């Protein structure tokens, strides 16, 4: 749940231009960005890589479409004892990486999303 809260805050700040805006986690969870806020970020788009089971520590990548850069993102590890090990931008800032592990199992469910904007 913490990942979703942080992602909602990041989305709200980015969508509003990120300048002079203070948004609490509770406020961010209550309302998605409005159409006017989304238009404030040229080329705003969220790319989602749905959950899939992969071997422990295998990276999953969500990429922005050509001509866009990553301005945020996140990942979620799913499973009974799943642990999110990493969630960070790609080296070229054109996507997001998520990886995790699940003790006692050979694989873990990982979903990834990246928030993109025009370069």
PDB file of N, CA and C in Angstrom:
ATOM      1  N   UNK A   1       0.824  -1.183   0.000  1.00  0.00           N
ATOM      2  CA  UNK A   1       0.000   0.000   0.000  1.00  0.00           C
ATOM      3  C   UNK A   1       0.869   1.248   0.000  1.00  0.00           C
ATOM      4  N   UNK A   2       2.026   1.217   0.652  1.00  0.00           N
ATOM      5  CA  UNK A   2       2.908   2.375   0.704  1.00  0.00           C
ATOM      6  C   UNK A   2       3.352   2.770  -0.690  1.00  0.00           C
ATOM      7  N   UNK A   3       3.609   1.814  -1.560  1.00  0.00           N
ATOM      8  CA  UNK A   3       4.035   2.121  -2.921  1.00  0.00           C
ATOM      9  C   UNK A   3       2.932   2.882  -3.641  1.00  0.00           C
ATOM     10  N   UNK A   4       1.720   2.446  -3.505  1.00  0.00           N
ATOM     11  CA  UNK A   4       0.609   3.128  -4.166  1.00  0.00           C
ATOM     12  C   UNK A   4       0.456   4.548  -3.637  1.00  0.00           C
ATOM     13  N   UNK A   5       0.629   4.737  -2.326  1.00  0.00           N
ATOM     14  CA  UNK A   5       0.512   6.060  -1.738  1.00  0.00           C
ATOM     15  C   UNK A   5       1.588   6.983  -2.292  1.00  0.00           C
ATOM     16  N   UNK A   6       2.833   6.535  -2.310  1.00  0.00           N
ATOM     17  CA  UNK A   6       3.919   7.357  -2.835  1.00  0.00           C
ATOM     18  C   UNK A   6       3.717   7.648  -4.313  1.00  0.00           C
ATOM     19  N   UNK A   7       3.250   6.668  -5.056  1.00  0.00           N
ATOM     20  CA  UNK A   7       3.006   6.878  -6.482  1.00  0.00           C
ATOM     21  C   UNK A   7       1.905   7.896  -6.687  1.00  0.00           C
ATOM     22  N   UNK A   8       0.864   7.843  -5.869  1.00  0.00           N
ATOM     23  CA  UNK A   8      -0.226   8.804  -5.999  1.00  0.00           C
ATOM     24  C   UNK A   8       0.263  10.214  -5.697  1.00  0.00           C
ATOM     25  N   UNK A   9       1.100  10.359  -4.683  1.00  0.00           N
ATOM     26  CA  UNK A   9       1.650  11.674  -4.360  1.00  0.00           C
ATOM     27  C   UNK A   9       2.512  12.173  -5.508  1.00  0.00           C
ATOM     28  N   UNK A  10       3.387  11.319  -6.025  1.00  0.00           N
ATOM     29  CA  UNK A  10       4.258  11.713  -7.136  1.00  0.00           C
ATOM     30  C   UNK A  10       3.428  12.103  -8.350  1.00  0.00           C
ATOM     31  N   UNK A  11       2.390  11.338  -8.651  1.00  0.00           N
ATOM     32  CA  UNK A  11       1.539  11.642  -9.800  1.00  0.00           C
ATOM     33  C   UNK A  11       0.863  12.990  -9.612  1.00  0.00           C
ATOM     34  N   UNK A  12       0.347  13.253  -8.408  1.00  0.00           N
ATOM     35  CA  UNK A  12      -0.332  14.517  -8.154  1.00  0.00           C
ATOM     36  C   UNK A  12       0.623  15.691  -8.271  1.00  0.00           C
ATOM     37  N   UNK A  13       1.826  15.560  -7.748  1.00  0.00           N
ATOM     38  CA  UNK A  13       2.809  16.639  -7.817  1.00  0.00           C
ATOM     39  C   UNK A  13       3.237  16.871  -9.251  1.00  0.00           C
ATOM     40  N   UNK A  14       3.512  15.802  -9.975  1.00  0.00           N
ATOM     41  CA  UNK A  14       3.938  15.923 -11.370  1.00  0.00           C
ATOM     42  C   UNK A  14       2.815  16.526 -12.207  1.00  0.00           C
ATOM     43  N   UNK A  15       1.600  16.031 -12.018  1.00  0.00           N
ATOM     44  CA  UNK A  15       0.480  16.495 -12.822  1.00  0.00           C
ATOM     45  C   UNK A  15       0.186  17.972 -12.595  1.00  0.00           C
ATOM     46  N   UNK A  16       0.483  18.470 -11.411  1.00  0.00           N
ATOM     47  CA  UNK A  16       0.213  19.875 -11.116  1.00  0.00           C
ATOM     48  C   UNK A  16       1.421  20.760 -11.411  1.00  0.00           C
ATOM     49  N   UNK A  17       2.444  20.215 -11.979  1.00  0.00           N
ATOM     50  CA  UNK A  17       3.605  21.014 -12.339  1.00  0.00           C
ATOM     51  C   UNK A  17       4.711  20.968 -11.310  1.00  0.00           C
ATOM     52  N   UNK A  18       4.432  20.423 -10.136  1.00  0.00           N
ATOM     53  CA  UNK A  18       5.456  20.216  -9.131  1.00  0.00           C
ATOM     54  C   UNK A  18       5.987  21.478  -8.486  1.00  0.00           C
ATOM     55  N   UNK A  19       5.423  22.647  -8.780  1.00  0.00           N
ATOM     56  CA  UNK A  19       5.954  23.885  -8.227  1.00  0.00           C
ATOM     57  C   UNK A  19       4.917  24.487  -7.287  1.00  0.00           C
ATOM     58  N   UNK A  20       5.341  24.749  -6.045  1.00  0.00           N
ATOM     59  CA  UNK A  20       4.467  25.397  -5.084  1.00  0.00           C
ATOM     60  C   UNK A  20       3.267  24.558  -4.690  1.00  0.00           C
ATOM     61  N   UNK A  21       3.386  23.239  -4.736  1.00  0.00           N
ATOM     62  CA  UNK A  21       2.263  22.370  -4.430  1.00  0.00           C
ATOM     63  C   UNK A  21       2.639  21.449  -3.288  1.00  0.00           C
ATOM     64  N   UNK A  22       1.790  21.385  -2.290  1.00  0.00           N
ATOM     65  CA  UNK A  22       1.972  20.445  -1.205  1.00  0.00           C
ATOM     66  C   UNK A  22       0.762  19.540  -1.176  1.00  0.00           C
ATOM     67  N   UNK A  23       0.996  18.243  -1.299  1.00  0.00           N
ATOM     68  CA  UNK A  23      -0.083  17.268  -1.304  1.00  0.00           C
ATOM     69  C   UNK A  23       0.239  16.207  -0.267  1.00  0.00           C
ATOM     70  N   UNK A  24      -0.703  15.957   0.635  1.00  0.00           N
ATOM     71  CA  UNK A  24      -0.493  14.884   1.598  1.00  0.00           C
ATOM     72  C   UNK A  24      -0.860  13.562   0.953  1.00  0.00           C
ATOM     73  N   UNK A  25      -0.390  12.480   1.518  1.00  0.00           N
ATOM     74  CA  UNK A  25      -0.708  11.149   0.984  1.00  0.00           C
ATOM     75  C   UNK A  25      -2.214  10.926   0.977  1.00  0.00           C
ATOM     76  N   UNK A  26      -2.903  11.379   2.027  1.00  0.00           N
ATOM     77  CA  UNK A  26      -4.358  11.187   2.092  1.00  0.00           C
ATOM     78  C   UNK A  26      -5.049  11.948   0.971  1.00  0.00           C
ATOM     79  N   UNK A  27      -4.614  13.174   0.692  1.00  0.00           N
ATOM     80  CA  UNK A  27      -5.214  13.942  -0.386  1.00  0.00           C
ATOM     81  C   UNK A  27      -4.960  13.275  -1.730  1.00  0.00           C
ATOM     82  N   UNK A  28      -3.766  12.763  -1.934  1.00  0.00           N
ATOM     83  CA  UNK A  28      -3.414  12.148  -3.203  1.00  0.00           C
ATOM     84  C   UNK A  28      -4.234  10.894  -3.445  1.00  0.00           C
ATOM     85  N   UNK A  29      -4.520  10.120  -2.398  1.00  0.00           N
ATOM     86  CA  UNK A  29      -5.307   8.907  -2.566  1.00  0.00           C
ATOM     87  C   UNK A  29      -6.770   9.215  -2.851  1.00  0.00           C
ATOM     88  N   UNK A  30      -7.259  10.349  -2.395  1.00  0.00           N
ATOM     89  CA  UNK A  30      -8.671  10.672  -2.527  1.00  0.00           C
ATOM     90  C   UNK A  30      -9.067  11.011  -3.947  1.00  0.00           C
ATOM     91  N   UNK A  31      -8.191  11.669  -4.708  1.00  0.00           N
ATOM     92  CA  UNK A  31      -8.585  12.135  -6.029  1.00  0.00           C
ATOM     93  C   UNK A  31      -7.470  11.911  -7.040  1.00  0.00           C
ATOM     94  N   UNK A  32      -7.846  11.379  -8.185  1.00  0.00           N
ATOM     95  CA  UNK A  32      -6.893  11.228  -9.283  1.00  0.00           C
ATOM     96  C   UNK A  32      -6.684  12.603  -9.908  1.00  0.00           C
ATOM     97  N   UNK A  33      -5.577  12.790 -10.632  1.00  0.00           N
ATOM     98  CA  UNK A  33      -5.358  14.084 -11.286  1.00  0.00           C
ATOM     99  C   UNK A  33      -6.501  14.408 -12.242  1.00  0.00           C
ATOM    100  N   UNK A  34      -6.870  15.683 -12.299  1.00  0.00           N
ATOM    101  CA  UNK A  34      -7.919  16.116 -13.205  1.00  0.00           C
ATOM    102  C   UNK A  34      -7.362  16.237 -14.616  1.00  0.00           C
ATOM    103  N   UNK A  35      -8.248  16.342 -15.587  1.00  0.00           N
ATOM    104  CA  UNK A  35      -7.813  16.497 -16.974  1.00  0.00           C
ATOM    105  C   UNK A  35      -6.963  17.748 -17.130  1.00  0.00           C
ATOM    106  N   UNK A  36      -7.307  18.823 -16.439  1.00  0.00           N
ATOM    107  CA  UNK A  36      -6.529  20.069 -16.528  1.00  0.00           C
ATOM    108  C   UNK A  36      -5.126  19.876 -15.968  1.00  0.00           C
ATOM    109  N   UNK A  37      -5.011  19.119 -14.872  1.00  0.00           N
ATOM    110  CA  UNK A  37      -3.691  18.869 -14.297  1.00  0.00           C
ATOM    111  C   UNK A  37      -2.849  18.015 -15.229  1.00  0.00           C
ATOM    112  N   UNK A  38      -3.433  17.003 -15.816  1.00  0.00           N
ATOM    113  CA  UNK A  38      -2.700  16.125 -16.720  1.00  0.00           C
ATOM    114  C   UNK A  38      -2.209  16.914 -17.926  1.00  0.00           C
ATOM    115  N   UNK A  39      -3.007  17.831 -18.435  1.00  0.00           N
ATOM    116  CA  UNK A  39      -2.611  18.635 -19.584  1.00  0.00           C
ATOM    117  C   UNK A  39      -1.458  19.565 -19.244  1.00  0.00           C
ATOM    118  N   UNK A  40      -1.227  19.845 -17.948  1.00  0.00           N
ATOM    119  CA  UNK A  40      -0.133  20.713 -17.536  1.00  0.00           C
ATOM    120  C   UNK A  40       1.228  20.067 -17.797  1.00  0.00           C
ATOM    121  N   UNK A  41       1.257  18.771 -17.981  1.00  0.00           N
ATOM    122  CA  UNK A  41       2.496  18.055 -18.276  1.00  0.00           C
ATOM    123  C   UNK A  41       2.399  17.556 -19.716  1.00  0.00           C
ATOM    124  N   UNK A  42       3.123  18.188 -20.635  1.00  0.00           N
ATOM    125  CA  UNK A  42       3.031  17.783 -22.044  1.00  0.00           C
ATOM    126  C   UNK A  42       3.375  16.306 -22.256  1.00  0.00           C
ATOM    127  N   UNK A  43       2.476  15.590 -22.913  1.00  0.00           N
ATOM    128  CA  UNK A  43       2.708  14.186 -23.230  1.00  0.00           C
ATOM    129  C   UNK A  43       2.554  13.242 -22.061  1.00  0.00           C
ATOM    130  N   UNK A  44       1.903  13.684 -20.971  1.00  0.00           N
ATOM    131  CA  UNK A  44       1.722  12.848 -19.780  1.00  0.00           C
ATOM    132  C   UNK A  44       1.088  11.515 -20.163  1.00  0.00           C
ATOM    133  N   UNK A  45       1.701  10.427 -19.702  1.00  0.00           N
ATOM    134  CA  UNK A  45       1.179   9.085 -19.975  1.00  0.00           C
ATOM    135  C   UNK A  45       1.719   8.124 -18.939  1.00  0.00           C
ATOM    136  N   UNK A  46       0.881   7.212 -18.468  1.00  0.00           N
ATOM    137  CA  UNK A  46       1.319   6.162 -17.551  1.00  0.00           C
ATOM    138  C   UNK A  46       1.311   4.845 -18.317  1.00  0.00           C
ATOM    139  N   UNK A  47       2.449   4.162 -18.308  1.00  0.00           N
ATOM    140  CA  UNK A  47       2.575   2.852 -18.957  1.00  0.00           C
ATOM    141  C   UNK A  47       2.649   1.807 -17.844  1.00  0.00           C
ATOM    142  N   UNK A  48       1.746   0.825 -17.908  1.00  0.00           N
ATOM    143  CA  UNK A  48       1.688  -0.214 -16.877  1.00  0.00           C
ATOM    144  C   UNK A  48       2.106  -1.565 -17.434  1.00  0.00           C
ATOM    145  N   UNK A  49       2.964  -2.237 -16.702  1.00  0.00           N
ATOM    146  CA  UNK A  49       3.365  -3.607 -17.016  1.00  0.00           C
ATOM    147  C   UNK A  49       2.663  -4.477 -15.984  1.00  0.00           C
ATOM    148  N   UNK A  50       1.635  -5.230 -16.387  1.00  0.00           N
ATOM    149  CA  UNK A  50       0.849  -5.984 -15.406  1.00  0.00           C
ATOM    150  C   UNK A  50       1.671  -7.062 -14.700  1.00  0.00           C
ATOM    151  N   UNK A  51       1.138  -7.503 -13.581  1.00  0.00           N
ATOM    152  CA  UNK A  51       1.813  -8.513 -12.772  1.00  0.00           C
ATOM    153  C   UNK A  51       2.141  -9.765 -13.580  1.00  0.00           C
ATOM    154  N   UNK A  52       3.343 -10.268 -13.375  1.00  0.00           N
ATOM    155  CA  UNK A  52       3.772 -11.542 -13.962  1.00  0.00           C
ATOM    156  C   UNK A  52       4.789 -12.176 -13.017  1.00  0.00           C
ATOM    157  N   UNK A  53       4.738 -13.483 -12.927  1.00  0.00           N
ATOM    158  CA  UNK A  53       5.721 -14.199 -12.122  1.00  0.00           C
ATOM    159  C   UNK A  53       7.030 -14.334 -12.891  1.00  0.00           C
ATOM    160  N   UNK A  54       8.105 -13.954 -12.225  1.00  0.00           N
ATOM    161  CA  UNK A  54       9.448 -14.036 -12.804  1.00  0.00           C
ATOM    162  C   UNK A  54      10.379 -14.630 -11.747  1.00  0.00           C
ATOM    163  N   UNK A  55      11.525 -15.168 -12.160  1.00  0.00           N
ATOM    164  CA  UNK A  55      12.481 -15.681 -11.172  1.00  0.00           C
ATOM    165  C   UNK A  55      12.897 -14.583 -10.177  1.00  0.00           C
ATOM    166  N   UNK A  56      13.181 -14.982  -8.951  1.00  0.00           N
ATOM    167  CA  UNK A  56      13.647 -14.030  -7.950  1.00  0.00           C
ATOM    168  C   UNK A  56      14.793 -13.192  -8.499  1.00  0.00           C
ATOM    169  N   UNK A  57      14.768 -11.902  -8.231  1.00  0.00           N
ATOM    170  CA  UNK A  57      15.780 -10.906  -8.614  1.00  0.00           C
ATOM    171  C   UNK A  57      15.828 -10.601 -10.115  1.00  0.00           C
ATOM    172  N   UNK A  58      14.938 -11.171 -10.916  1.00  0.00           N
ATOM    173  CA  UNK A  58      14.915 -10.822 -12.344  1.00  0.00           C
ATOM    174  C   UNK A  58      14.244  -9.459 -12.499  1.00  0.00           C
ATOM    175  N   UNK A  59      14.886  -8.584 -13.252  1.00  0.00           N
ATOM    176  CA  UNK A  59      14.347  -7.246 -13.480  1.00  0.00           C
ATOM    177  C   UNK A  59      13.217  -7.281 -14.506  1.00  0.00           C
ATOM    178  N   UNK A  60      12.181  -6.456 -14.241  1.00  0.00           N
ATOM    179  CA  UNK A  60      11.120  -6.227 -15.229  1.00  0.00           C
ATOM    180  C   UNK A  60      11.171  -4.764 -15.610  1.00  0.00           C
ATOM    181  N   UNK A  61      11.013  -4.491 -16.892  1.00  0.00           N
ATOM    182  CA  UNK A  61      11.158  -3.140 -17.429  1.00  0.00           C
ATOM    183  C   UNK A  61       9.838  -2.659 -18.032  1.00  0.00           C
ATOM    184  N   UNK A  62       9.438  -1.446 -17.692  1.00  0.00           N
ATOM    185  CA  UNK A  62       8.326  -0.764 -18.352  1.00  0.00           C
ATOM    186  C   UNK A  62       8.947   0.446 -19.044  1.00  0.00           C
ATOM    187  N   UNK A  63       8.727   0.584 -20.355  1.00  0.00           N
ATOM    188  CA  UNK A  63       9.356   1.655 -21.125  1.00  0.00           C
ATOM    189  C   UNK A  63       8.343   2.697 -21.590  1.00  0.00           C
ATOM    190  N   UNK A  64       8.805   3.933 -21.675  1.00  0.00           N
ATOM    191  CA  UNK A  64       8.012   5.020 -22.250  1.00  0.00           C
ATOM    192  C   UNK A  64       8.016   4.881 -23.766  1.00  0.00           C
ATOM    193  N   UNK A  65       6.976   5.377 -24.429  1.00  0.00           N
ATOM    194  CA  UNK A  65       6.987   5.390 -25.889  1.00  0.00           C
ATOM    195  C   UNK A  65       8.114   6.295 -26.403  1.00  0.00           C
ATOM    196  N   UNK A  66       8.490   6.098 -27.657  1.00  0.00           N
ATOM    197  CA  UNK A  66       9.555   6.901 -28.267  1.00  0.00           C
ATOM    198  C   UNK A  66       9.245   8.388 -28.136  1.00  0.00           C
ATOM    199  N   UNK A  67      10.261   9.177 -27.830  1.00  0.00           N
ATOM    200  CA  UNK A  67      10.106  10.616 -27.701  1.00  0.00           C
ATOM    201  C   UNK A  67       9.674  11.074 -26.319  1.00  0.00           C
ATOM    202  N   UNK A  68       9.521  10.136 -25.383  1.00  0.00           N
ATOM    203  CA  UNK A  68       9.123  10.483 -24.017  1.00  0.00           C
ATOM    204  C   UNK A  68      10.178  10.022 -23.027  1.00  0.00           C
ATOM    205  N   UNK A  69      10.190  10.657 -21.857  1.00  0.00           N
ATOM    206  CA  UNK A  69      11.117  10.286 -20.793  1.00  0.00           C
ATOM    207  C   UNK A  69      10.332   9.945 -19.531  1.00  0.00           C
ATOM    208  N   UNK A  70      10.969   9.177 -18.675  1.00  0.00           N
ATOM    209  CA  UNK A  70      10.359   8.807 -17.401  1.00  0.00           C
ATOM    210  C   UNK A  70      10.508   9.965 -16.416  1.00  0.00           C
ATOM    211  N   UNK A  71       9.399  10.361 -15.804  1.00  0.00           N
ATOM    212  CA  UNK A  71       9.444  11.392 -14.775  1.00  0.00           C
ATOM    213  C   UNK A  71       9.030  10.823 -13.417  1.00  0.00           C
ATOM    214  N   UNK A  72       8.765   9.526 -13.388  1.00  0.00           N
ATOM    215  CA  UNK A  72       8.405   8.838 -12.151  1.00  0.00           C
ATOM    216  C   UNK A  72       8.019   7.412 -12.459  1.00  0.00           C
ATOM    217  N   UNK A  73       7.756   6.649 -11.426  1.00  0.00           N
ATOM    218  CA  UNK A  73       7.353   5.272 -11.634  1.00  0.00           C
ATOM    219  C   UNK A  73       7.300   4.518 -10.328  1.00  0.00           C
ATOM    220  N   UNK A  74       7.057   3.228 -10.427  1.00  0.00           N
ATOM    221  CA  UNK A  74       6.996   2.396  -9.241  1.00  0.00           C
ATOM    222  C   UNK A  74       6.839   0.938  -9.606  1.00  0.00           C
ATOM    223  N   UNK A  75       6.875   0.097  -8.598  1.00  0.00           N
ATOM    224  CA  UNK A  75       6.753  -1.342  -8.795  1.00  0.00           C
ATOM    225  C   UNK A  75       6.107  -1.954  -7.559  1.00  0.00           C
ATOM    226  N   UNK A  76       5.586  -3.146  -7.736  1.00  0.00           N
ATOM    227  CA  UNK A  76       4.964  -3.868  -6.635  1.00  0.00           C
ATOM    228  C   UNK A  76       5.357  -5.333  -6.728  1.00  0.00           C
ATOM    229  N   UNK A  77       5.731  -5.909  -5.594  1.00  0.00           N
ATOM    230  CA  UNK A  77       6.022  -7.337  -5.513  1.00  0.00           C
ATOM    231  C   UNK A  77       4.787  -8.019  -4.931  1.00  0.00           C
ATOM    232  N   UNK A  78       4.352  -9.118  -5.578  1.00  0.00           N
ATOM    233  CA  UNK A  78       3.151  -9.814  -5.125  1.00  0.00           C
ATOM    234  C   UNK A  78       3.472 -11.261  -4.802  1.00  0.00           C
ATOM    235  N   UNK A  79       2.949 -11.700  -3.694  1.00  0.00           N
ATOM    236  CA  UNK A  79       3.139 -13.070  -3.233  1.00  0.00           C
ATOM    237  C   UNK A  79       3.010 -13.086  -1.720  1.00  0.00           C
ATOM    238  N   UNK A  80       2.866 -14.279  -1.145  1.00  0.00           N
ATOM    239  CA  UNK A  80       2.658 -14.396   0.295  1.00  0.00           C
ATOM    240  C   UNK A  80       3.752 -13.735   1.117  1.00  0.00           C
ATOM    241  N   UNK A  81       4.988 -13.865   0.701  1.00  0.00           N
ATOM    242  CA  UNK A  81       6.113 -13.270   1.424  1.00  0.00           C
ATOM    243  C   UNK A  81       6.962 -12.417   0.490  1.00  0.00           C
ATOM    244  N   UNK A  82       6.358 -11.871  -0.545  1.00  0.00           N
ATOM    245  CA  UNK A  82       7.081 -11.123  -1.566  1.00  0.00           C
ATOM    246  C   UNK A  82       7.719  -9.862  -0.986  1.00  0.00           C
ATOM    247  N   UNK A  83       8.913  -9.569  -1.463  1.00  0.00           N
ATOM    248  CA  UNK A  83       9.663  -8.387  -1.039  1.00  0.00           C
ATOM    249  C   UNK A  83      10.099  -7.634  -2.286  1.00  0.00           C
ATOM    250  N   UNK A  84       9.766  -6.357  -2.350  1.00  0.00           N
ATOM    251  CA  UNK A  84      10.238  -5.515  -3.440  1.00  0.00           C
ATOM    252  C   UNK A  84      11.692  -5.153  -3.143  1.00  0.00           C
ATOM    253  N   UNK A  85      12.585  -5.529  -4.034  1.00  0.00           N
ATOM    254  CA  UNK A  85      14.017  -5.311  -3.833  1.00  0.00           C
ATOM    255  C   UNK A  85      14.464  -4.003  -4.472  1.00  0.00           C
ATOM    256  N   UNK A  86      13.883  -3.643  -5.610  1.00  0.00           N
ATOM    257  CA  UNK A  86      14.292  -2.422  -6.291  1.00  0.00           C
ATOM    258  C   UNK A  86      13.179  -1.842  -7.141  1.00  0.00           C
ATOM    259  N   UNK A  87      13.166  -0.509  -7.217  1.00  0.00           N
ATOM    260  CA  UNK A  87      12.227   0.225  -8.046  1.00  0.00           C
ATOM    261  C   UNK A  87      12.931   1.533  -8.400  1.00  0.00           C
ATOM    262  N   UNK A  88      13.351   1.653  -9.675  1.00  0.00           N
ATOM    263  CA  UNK A  88      14.176   2.794 -10.055  1.00  0.00           C
ATOM    264  C   UNK A  88      14.126   3.000 -11.566  1.00  0.00           C
ATOM    265  N   UNK A  89      14.527   4.216 -12.028  1.00  0.00           N
ATOM    266  CA  UNK A  89      14.497   4.487 -13.465  1.00  0.00           C
ATOM    267  C   UNK A  89      15.600   3.740 -14.214  1.00  0.00           C
ATOM    268  N   UNK A  90      15.391   3.535 -15.506  1.00  0.00           N
ATOM    269  CA  UNK A  90      16.425   2.931 -16.345  1.00  0.00           C
ATOM    270  C   UNK A  90      17.580   3.925 -16.501  1.00  0.00           C
ATOM    271  N   UNK A  91      18.731   3.439 -16.917  1.00  0.00           N
ATOM    272  CA  UNK A  91      19.897   4.309 -17.095  1.00  0.00           C
ATOM    273  C   UNK A  91      19.623   5.444 -18.074  1.00  0.00           C
ATOM    274  N   UNK A  92      18.870   5.194 -19.121  1.00  0.00           N
ATOM    275  CA  UNK A  92      18.575   6.218 -20.120  1.00  0.00           C
ATOM    276  C   UNK A  92      17.368   7.079 -19.785  1.00  0.00           C
ATOM    277  N   UNK A  93      16.791   6.895 -18.594  1.00  0.00           N
ATOM    278  CA  UNK A  93      15.596   7.627 -18.164  1.00  0.00           C
ATOM    279  C   UNK A  93      14.429   7.504 -19.138  1.00  0.00           C
ATOM    280  N   UNK A  94      14.341   6.353 -19.813  1.00  0.00           N
ATOM    281  CA  UNK A  94      13.224   6.128 -20.730  1.00  0.00           C
ATOM    282  C   UNK A  94      12.289   5.030 -20.232  1.00  0.00           C
ATOM    283  N   UNK A  95      12.437   4.638 -18.977  1.00  0.00           N
ATOM    284  CA  UNK A  95      11.594   3.594 -18.426  1.00  0.00           C
ATOM    285  C   UNK A  95      11.824   3.407 -16.938  1.00  0.00           C
ATOM    286  N   UNK A  96      11.194   2.357 -16.407  1.00  0.00           N
ATOM    287  CA  UNK A  96      11.290   2.046 -14.978  1.00  0.00           C
ATOM    288  C   UNK A  96      11.566   0.569 -14.800  1.00  0.00           C
ATOM    289  N   UNK A  97      12.299   0.230 -13.750  1.00  0.00           N
ATOM    290  CA  UNK A  97      12.690  -1.155 -13.458  1.00  0.00           C
ATOM    291  C   UNK A  97      12.119  -1.558 -12.098  1.00  0.00           C
ATOM    292  N   UNK A  98      11.610  -2.769 -12.019  1.00  0.00           N
ATOM    293  CA  UNK A  98      11.161  -3.323 -10.753  1.00  0.00           C
ATOM    294  C   UNK A  98      11.707  -4.729 -10.597  1.00  0.00           C
ATOM    295  N   UNK A  99      12.104  -5.100  -9.380  1.00  0.00           N
ATOM    296  CA  UNK A  99      12.549  -6.465  -9.118  1.00  0.00           C
ATOM    297  C   UNK A  99      12.263  -6.817  -7.668  1.00  0.00           C
ATOM    298  N   UNK A 100      12.123  -8.101  -7.422  1.00  0.00           N
ATOM    299  CA  UNK A 100      11.808  -8.558  -6.074  1.00  0.00           C
ATOM    300  C   UNK A 100      12.231  -9.991  -5.851  1.00  0.00           C
ATOM    301  N   UNK A 101      11.861 -10.467  -4.687  1.00  0.00           N
ATOM    302  CA  UNK A 101      12.143 -11.864  -4.343  1.00  0.00           C
ATOM    303  C   UNK A 101      11.050 -12.354  -3.403  1.00  0.00           C
ATOM    304  N   UNK A 102      10.958 -13.671  -3.307  1.00  0.00           N
ATOM    305  CA  UNK A 102       9.989 -14.296  -2.414  1.00  0.00           C
ATOM    306  C   UNK A 102      10.676 -15.474  -1.731  1.00  0.00           C
ATOM    307  N   UNK A 103      11.071 -15.312  -0.468  1.00  0.00           N
ATOM    308  CA  UNK A 103      11.771 -16.384   0.245  1.00  0.00           C
ATOM    309  C   UNK A 103      10.987 -17.691   0.211  1.00  0.00           C
ATOM    310  N   UNK A 104      11.700 -18.772  -0.016  1.00  0.00           N
ATOM    311  CA  UNK A 104      11.076 -20.085  -0.051  1.00  0.00           C
ATOM    312  C   UNK A 104      10.431 -20.430  -1.377  1.00  0.00           C
ATOM    313  N   UNK A 105      10.522 -19.546  -2.348  1.00  0.00           N
ATOM    314  CA  UNK A 105       9.957 -19.762  -3.676  1.00  0.00           C
ATOM    315  C   UNK A 105      11.008 -19.408  -4.725  1.00  0.00           C
ATOM    316  N   UNK A 106      10.843 -19.952  -5.918  1.00  0.00           N
ATOM    317  CA  UNK A 106      11.775 -19.651  -7.009  1.00  0.00           C
ATOM    318  C   UNK A 106      11.389 -18.420  -7.803  1.00  0.00           C
ATOM    319  N   UNK A 107      10.141 -17.939  -7.607  1.00  0.00           N
ATOM    320  CA  UNK A 107       9.691 -16.781  -8.385  1.00  0.00           C
ATOM    321  C   UNK A 107       8.874 -15.833  -7.520  1.00  0.00           C
ATOM    322  N   UNK A 108       8.578 -14.679  -8.106  1.00  0.00           N
ATOM    323  CA  UNK A 108       7.830 -13.633  -7.421  1.00  0.00           C
ATOM    324  C   UNK A 108       7.008 -12.879  -8.464  1.00  0.00           C
ATOM    325  N   UNK A 109       5.843 -12.393  -8.089  1.00  0.00           N
ATOM    326  CA  UNK A 109       5.030 -11.573  -8.980  1.00  0.00           C
ATOM    327  C   UNK A 109       5.507 -10.132  -8.927  1.00  0.00           C
ATOM    328  N   UNK A 110       5.763  -9.545 -10.085  1.00  0.00           N
ATOM    329  CA  UNK A 110       6.221  -8.155 -10.160  1.00  0.00           C
ATOM    330  C   UNK A 110       5.367  -7.401 -11.176  1.00  0.00           C
ATOM    331  N   UNK A 111       4.862  -6.242 -10.773  1.00  0.00           N
ATOM    332  CA  UNK A 111       4.210  -5.324 -11.708  1.00  0.00           C
ATOM    333  C   UNK A 111       4.989  -4.012 -11.641  1.00  0.00           C
ATOM    334  N   UNK A 112       5.012  -3.293 -12.769  1.00  0.00           N
ATOM    335  CA  UNK A 112       5.801  -2.072 -12.879  1.00  0.00           C
ATOM    336  C   UNK A 112       4.989  -1.025 -13.619  1.00  0.00           C
ATOM    337  N   UNK A 113       5.138   0.238 -13.246  1.00  0.00           N
ATOM    338  CA  UNK A 113       4.566   1.309 -14.029  1.00  0.00           C
ATOM    339  C   UNK A 113       5.553   2.446 -14.146  1.00  0.00           C
ATOM    340  N   UNK A 114       5.451   3.192 -15.219  1.00  0.00           N
ATOM    341  CA  UNK A 114       6.315   4.353 -15.438  1.00  0.00           C
ATOM    342  C   UNK A 114       5.453   5.535 -15.859  1.00  0.00           C
ATOM    343  N   UNK A 115       5.730   6.684 -15.279  1.00  0.00           N
ATOM    344  CA  UNK A 115       5.040   7.923 -15.643  1.00  0.00           C
ATOM    345  C   UNK A 115       5.927   8.633 -16.654  1.00  0.00           C
ATOM    346  N   UNK A 116       5.369   8.908 -17.835  1.00  0.00           N
ATOM    347  CA  UNK A 116       6.139   9.464 -18.940  1.00  0.00           C
ATOM    348  C   UNK A 116       5.643  10.861 -19.312  1.00  0.00           C
ATOM    349  N   UNK A 117       6.533  11.639 -19.920  1.00  0.00           N
ATOM    350  CA  UNK A 117       6.181  12.953 -20.445  1.00  0.00           C
ATOM    351  C   UNK A 117       7.043  13.203 -21.675  1.00  0.00           C
ATOM    352  N   UNK A 118       6.636  14.183 -22.480  1.00  0.00           N
ATOM    353  CA  UNK A 118       7.420  14.518 -23.668  1.00  0.00           C
ATOM    354  C   UNK A 118       8.831  14.905 -23.259  1.00  0.00           C
ATOM    355  N   UNK A 119       9.785  14.503 -24.074  1.00  0.00           N
ATOM    356  CA  UNK A 119      11.196  14.813 -23.793  1.00  0.00           C
ATOM    357  C   UNK A 119      11.482  16.277 -24.020  1.00  0.00           C
TER     358      UNK A 119
END
